[in-house]
């Protein structure tokens, strides 16, 4: 399984759980608490960049 496939599977699970949690709070409460999700595309870009900062196999 590729990293992209793994990320997609995990993102589907995370998204489903996030939807359940979001249903428990109104928008005003989420805004007051500063809760927001990082878009998946941005998270993937950050992970890909971070992986270039570390030497593989060390």
PDB file of N, CA and C in Angstrom:
ATOM      1  N   UNK A   1       0.852  -1.175   0.000  1.00  0.00           N
ATOM      2  CA  UNK A   1       0.000   0.000   0.000  1.00  0.00           C
ATOM      3  C   UNK A   1       0.901   1.242   0.000  1.00  0.00           C
ATOM      4  N   UNK A   2       0.580   2.201  -0.832  1.00  0.00           N
ATOM      5  CA  UNK A   2       1.383   3.419  -0.914  1.00  0.00           C
ATOM      6  C   UNK A   2       1.026   4.366   0.227  1.00  0.00           C
ATOM      7  N   UNK A   3       1.902   5.349   0.440  1.00  0.00           N
ATOM      8  CA  UNK A   3       1.641   6.346   1.474  1.00  0.00           C
ATOM      9  C   UNK A   3       0.349   7.103   1.175  1.00  0.00           C
ATOM     10  N   UNK A   4       0.116   7.436  -0.090  1.00  0.00           N
ATOM     11  CA  UNK A   4      -1.110   8.147  -0.468  1.00  0.00           C
ATOM     12  C   UNK A   4      -2.355   7.325  -0.153  1.00  0.00           C
ATOM     13  N   UNK A   5      -2.308   6.022  -0.432  1.00  0.00           N
ATOM     14  CA  UNK A   5      -3.451   5.159  -0.142  1.00  0.00           C
ATOM     15  C   UNK A   5      -3.704   5.080   1.357  1.00  0.00           C
ATOM     16  N   UNK A   6      -2.633   4.945   2.111  1.00  0.00           N
ATOM     17  CA  UNK A   6      -2.759   4.886   3.567  1.00  0.00           C
ATOM     18  C   UNK A   6      -3.344   6.180   4.107  1.00  0.00           C
ATOM     19  N   UNK A   7      -2.847   7.298   3.606  1.00  0.00           N
ATOM     20  CA  UNK A   7      -3.356   8.603   4.043  1.00  0.00           C
ATOM     21  C   UNK A   7      -4.831   8.734   3.701  1.00  0.00           C
ATOM     22  N   UNK A   8      -5.221   8.298   2.511  1.00  0.00           N
ATOM     23  CA  UNK A   8      -6.628   8.404   2.116  1.00  0.00           C
ATOM     24  C   UNK A   8      -7.534   7.581   3.022  1.00  0.00           C
ATOM     25  N   UNK A   9      -7.111   6.375   3.376  1.00  0.00           N
ATOM     26  CA  UNK A   9      -7.902   5.530   4.272  1.00  0.00           C
ATOM     27  C   UNK A   9      -8.018   6.178   5.649  1.00  0.00           C
ATOM     28  N   UNK A  10      -6.889   6.637   6.173  1.00  0.00           N
ATOM     29  CA  UNK A  10      -6.903   7.288   7.478  1.00  0.00           C
ATOM     30  C   UNK A  10      -7.728   8.568   7.451  1.00  0.00           C
ATOM     31  N   UNK A  11      -7.650   9.321   6.376  1.00  0.00           N
ATOM     32  CA  UNK A  11      -8.416  10.563   6.270  1.00  0.00           C
ATOM     33  C   UNK A  11      -9.909  10.282   6.233  1.00  0.00           C
ATOM     34  N   UNK A  12     -10.321   9.234   5.570  1.00  0.00           N
ATOM     35  CA  UNK A  12     -11.748   8.871   5.558  1.00  0.00           C
ATOM     36  C   UNK A  12     -12.231   8.571   6.975  1.00  0.00           C
ATOM     37  N   UNK A  13     -11.438   7.821   7.730  1.00  0.00           N
ATOM     38  CA  UNK A  13     -11.795   7.497   9.120  1.00  0.00           C
ATOM     39  C   UNK A  13     -11.817   8.760   9.977  1.00  0.00           C
ATOM     40  N   UNK A  14     -10.773   9.590   9.828  1.00  0.00           N
ATOM     41  CA  UNK A  14     -10.689  10.812  10.609  1.00  0.00           C
ATOM     42  C   UNK A  14     -11.857  11.743  10.306  1.00  0.00           C
ATOM     43  N   UNK A  15     -12.187  11.846   9.044  1.00  0.00           N
ATOM     44  CA  UNK A  15     -13.281  12.718   8.629  1.00  0.00           C
ATOM     45  C   UNK A  15     -14.616  12.259   9.217  1.00  0.00           C
ATOM     46  N   UNK A  16     -14.857  10.970   9.214  1.00  0.00           N
ATOM     47  CA  UNK A  16     -16.096  10.435   9.787  1.00  0.00           C
ATOM     48  C   UNK A  16     -16.171  10.744  11.285  1.00  0.00           C
ATOM     49  N   UNK A  17     -15.064  10.534  11.983  1.00  0.00           N
ATOM     50  CA  UNK A  17     -15.039  10.843  13.417  1.00  0.00           C
ATOM     51  C   UNK A  17     -15.199  12.338  13.663  1.00  0.00           C
ATOM     52  N   UNK A  18     -14.560  13.149  12.830  1.00  0.00           N
ATOM     53  CA  UNK A  18     -14.679  14.600  12.976  1.00  0.00           C
ATOM     54  C   UNK A  18     -16.114  15.053  12.788  1.00  0.00           C
ATOM     55  N   UNK A  19     -16.802  14.472  11.823  1.00  0.00           N
ATOM     56  CA  UNK A  19     -18.210  14.822  11.604  1.00  0.00           C
ATOM     57  C   UNK A  19     -19.061  14.492  12.814  1.00  0.00           C
ATOM     58  N   UNK A  20     -18.783  13.347  13.446  1.00  0.00           N
ATOM     59  CA  UNK A  20     -19.517  12.970  14.657  1.00  0.00           C
ATOM     60  C   UNK A  20     -19.257  13.972  15.781  1.00  0.00           C
ATOM     61  N   UNK A  21     -18.005  14.336  15.965  1.00  0.00           N
ATOM     62  CA  UNK A  21     -17.665  15.294  17.010  1.00  0.00           C
ATOM     63  C   UNK A  21     -18.239  16.678  16.716  1.00  0.00           C
ATOM     64  N   UNK A  22     -18.178  17.097  15.464  1.00  0.00           N
ATOM     65  CA  UNK A  22     -18.714  18.406  15.083  1.00  0.00           C
ATOM     66  C   UNK A  22     -20.207  18.509  15.362  1.00  0.00           C
ATOM     67  N   UNK A  23     -20.904  17.400  15.232  1.00  0.00           N
ATOM     68  CA  UNK A  23     -22.347  17.398  15.462  1.00  0.00           C
ATOM     69  C   UNK A  23     -22.688  17.648  16.933  1.00  0.00           C
ATOM     70  N   UNK A  24     -21.718  17.455  17.823  1.00  0.00           N
ATOM     71  CA  UNK A  24     -21.950  17.637  19.254  1.00  0.00           C
ATOM     72  C   UNK A  24     -21.818  19.094  19.701  1.00  0.00           C
ATOM     73  N   UNK A  25     -21.232  19.954  18.858  1.00  0.00           N
ATOM     74  CA  UNK A  25     -21.015  21.350  19.208  1.00  0.00           C
ATOM     75  C   UNK A  25     -21.568  22.257  18.123  1.00  0.00           C
ATOM     76  N   UNK A  26     -22.088  23.384  18.537  1.00  0.00           N
ATOM     77  CA  UNK A  26     -22.550  24.371  17.578  1.00  0.00           C
ATOM     78  C   UNK A  26     -21.377  25.170  17.031  1.00  0.00           C
ATOM     79  N   UNK A  27     -21.615  25.898  15.942  1.00  0.00           N
ATOM     80  CA  UNK A  27     -20.553  26.685  15.315  1.00  0.00           C
ATOM     81  C   UNK A  27     -20.000  27.734  16.263  1.00  0.00           C
ATOM     82  N   UNK A  28     -20.873  28.358  17.057  1.00  0.00           N
ATOM     83  CA  UNK A  28     -20.414  29.399  17.983  1.00  0.00           C
ATOM     84  C   UNK A  28     -19.424  28.830  18.996  1.00  0.00           C
ATOM     85  N   UNK A  29     -19.700  27.637  19.519  1.00  0.00           N
ATOM     86  CA  UNK A  29     -18.784  27.019  20.483  1.00  0.00           C
ATOM     87  C   UNK A  29     -17.458  26.654  19.825  1.00  0.00           C
ATOM     88  N   UNK A  30     -17.520  26.093  18.615  1.00  0.00           N
ATOM     89  CA  UNK A  30     -16.286  25.754  17.908  1.00  0.00           C
ATOM     90  C   UNK A  30     -15.463  27.011  17.636  1.00  0.00           C
ATOM     91  N   UNK A  31     -16.121  28.098  17.259  1.00  0.00           N
ATOM     92  CA  UNK A  31     -15.415  29.358  17.015  1.00  0.00           C
ATOM     93  C   UNK A  31     -14.784  29.883  18.302  1.00  0.00           C
ATOM     94  N   UNK A  32     -15.524  29.815  19.401  1.00  0.00           N
ATOM     95  CA  UNK A  32     -15.032  30.310  20.684  1.00  0.00           C
ATOM     96  C   UNK A  32     -13.795  29.530  21.115  1.00  0.00           C
ATOM     97  N   UNK A  33     -13.794  28.232  20.848  1.00  0.00           N
ATOM     98  CA  UNK A  33     -12.676  27.378  21.239  1.00  0.00           C
ATOM     99  C   UNK A  33     -11.531  27.398  20.223  1.00  0.00           C
ATOM    100  N   UNK A  34     -11.748  28.051  19.081  1.00  0.00           N
ATOM    101  CA  UNK A  34     -10.711  28.120  18.057  1.00  0.00           C
ATOM    102  C   UNK A  34     -10.469  26.788  17.371  1.00  0.00           C
ATOM    103  N   UNK A  35     -11.507  25.982  17.270  1.00  0.00           N
ATOM    104  CA  UNK A  35     -11.361  24.655  16.672  1.00  0.00           C
ATOM    105  C   UNK A  35     -11.618  24.709  15.173  1.00  0.00           C
ATOM    106  N   UNK A  36     -10.639  24.238  14.430  1.00  0.00           N
ATOM    107  CA  UNK A  36     -10.805  24.102  12.986  1.00  0.00           C
ATOM    108  C   UNK A  36      -9.849  23.030  12.505  1.00  0.00           C
ATOM    109  N   UNK A  37     -10.189  22.390  11.423  1.00  0.00           N
ATOM    110  CA  UNK A  37      -9.379  21.291  10.895  1.00  0.00           C
ATOM    111  C   UNK A  37      -8.410  21.818   9.843  1.00  0.00           C
ATOM    112  N   UNK A  38      -7.206  21.282   9.858  1.00  0.00           N
ATOM    113  CA  UNK A  38      -6.241  21.584   8.803  1.00  0.00           C
ATOM    114  C   UNK A  38      -6.676  20.849   7.543  1.00  0.00           C
ATOM    115  N   UNK A  39      -6.791  21.537   6.410  1.00  0.00           N
ATOM    116  CA  UNK A  39      -7.166  20.845   5.179  1.00  0.00           C
ATOM    117  C   UNK A  39      -6.184  19.710   4.875  1.00  0.00           C
ATOM    118  N   UNK A  40      -6.705  18.578   4.433  1.00  0.00           N
ATOM    119  CA  UNK A  40      -5.885  17.396   4.212  1.00  0.00           C
ATOM    120  C   UNK A  40      -4.756  17.662   3.224  1.00  0.00           C
ATOM    121  N   UNK A  41      -5.021  18.430   2.179  1.00  0.00           N
ATOM    122  CA  UNK A  41      -3.973  18.711   1.187  1.00  0.00           C
ATOM    123  C   UNK A  41      -2.798  19.451   1.830  1.00  0.00           C
ATOM    124  N   UNK A  42      -3.083  20.396   2.724  1.00  0.00           N
ATOM    125  CA  UNK A  42      -2.024  21.121   3.419  1.00  0.00           C
ATOM    126  C   UNK A  42      -1.268  20.182   4.356  1.00  0.00           C
ATOM    127  N   UNK A  43      -1.975  19.336   5.080  1.00  0.00           N
ATOM    128  CA  UNK A  43      -1.335  18.388   5.989  1.00  0.00           C
ATOM    129  C   UNK A  43      -0.406  17.446   5.226  1.00  0.00           C
ATOM    130  N   UNK A  44      -0.844  16.976   4.069  1.00  0.00           N
ATOM    131  CA  UNK A  44      -0.007  16.084   3.252  1.00  0.00           C
ATOM    132  C   UNK A  44       1.244  16.823   2.790  1.00  0.00           C
ATOM    133  N   UNK A  45       1.089  18.068   2.346  1.00  0.00           N
ATOM    134  CA  UNK A  45       2.250  18.858   1.916  1.00  0.00           C
ATOM    135  C   UNK A  45       3.239  19.038   3.062  1.00  0.00           C
ATOM    136  N   UNK A  46       2.745  19.307   4.252  1.00  0.00           N
ATOM    137  CA  UNK A  46       3.618  19.486   5.415  1.00  0.00           C
ATOM    138  C   UNK A  46       4.363  18.195   5.720  1.00  0.00           C
ATOM    139  N   UNK A  47       3.651  17.067   5.699  1.00  0.00           N
ATOM    140  CA  UNK A  47       4.303  15.778   5.959  1.00  0.00           C
ATOM    141  C   UNK A  47       5.350  15.448   4.907  1.00  0.00           C
ATOM    142  N   UNK A  48       5.033  15.710   3.654  1.00  0.00           N
ATOM    143  CA  UNK A  48       6.002  15.429   2.595  1.00  0.00           C
ATOM    144  C   UNK A  48       7.250  16.288   2.753  1.00  0.00           C
ATOM    145  N   UNK A  49       7.057  17.562   3.088  1.00  0.00           N
ATOM    146  CA  UNK A  49       8.204  18.443   3.307  1.00  0.00           C
ATOM    147  C   UNK A  49       9.006  17.980   4.522  1.00  0.00           C
ATOM    148  N   UNK A  50       8.319  17.671   5.615  1.00  0.00           N
ATOM    149  CA  UNK A  50       9.015  17.239   6.837  1.00  0.00           C
ATOM    150  C   UNK A  50       9.835  15.981   6.583  1.00  0.00           C
ATOM    151  N   UNK A  51       9.318  15.088   5.739  1.00  0.00           N
ATOM    152  CA  UNK A  51      10.052  13.840   5.471  1.00  0.00           C
ATOM    153  C   UNK A  51      11.366  14.109   4.741  1.00  0.00           C
ATOM    154  N   UNK A  52      11.486  15.244   4.059  1.00  0.00           N
ATOM    155  CA  UNK A  52      12.735  15.578   3.371  1.00  0.00           C
ATOM    156  C   UNK A  52      13.788  16.106   4.341  1.00  0.00           C
ATOM    157  N   UNK A  53      13.366  16.495   5.547  1.00  0.00           N
ATOM    158  CA  UNK A  53      14.287  17.067   6.518  1.00  0.00           C
ATOM    159  C   UNK A  53      15.064  16.020   7.301  1.00  0.00           C
ATOM    160  N   UNK A  54      14.632  14.782   7.217  1.00  0.00           N
ATOM    161  CA  UNK A  54      15.258  13.720   7.985  1.00  0.00           C
ATOM    162  C   UNK A  54      15.994  12.766   7.049  1.00  0.00           C
ATOM    163  N   UNK A  55      17.148  12.323   7.476  1.00  0.00           N
ATOM    164  CA  UNK A  55      17.905  11.337   6.707  1.00  0.00           C
ATOM    165  C   UNK A  55      17.246   9.980   6.855  1.00  0.00           C
ATOM    166  N   UNK A  56      17.006   9.349   5.763  1.00  0.00           N
ATOM    167  CA  UNK A  56      16.386   8.026   5.793  1.00  0.00           C
ATOM    168  C   UNK A  56      17.434   6.982   6.199  1.00  0.00           C
ATOM    169  N   UNK A  57      17.056   6.032   7.037  1.00  0.00           N
ATOM    170  CA  UNK A  57      17.936   4.971   7.428  1.00  0.00           C
ATOM    171  C   UNK A  57      18.912   5.299   8.546  1.00  0.00           C
ATOM    172  N   UNK A  58      18.781   6.461   9.128  1.00  0.00           N
ATOM    173  CA  UNK A  58      19.679   6.816  10.238  1.00  0.00           C
ATOM    174  C   UNK A  58      18.924   6.854  11.530  1.00  0.00           C
TER     175      UNK A  58
END
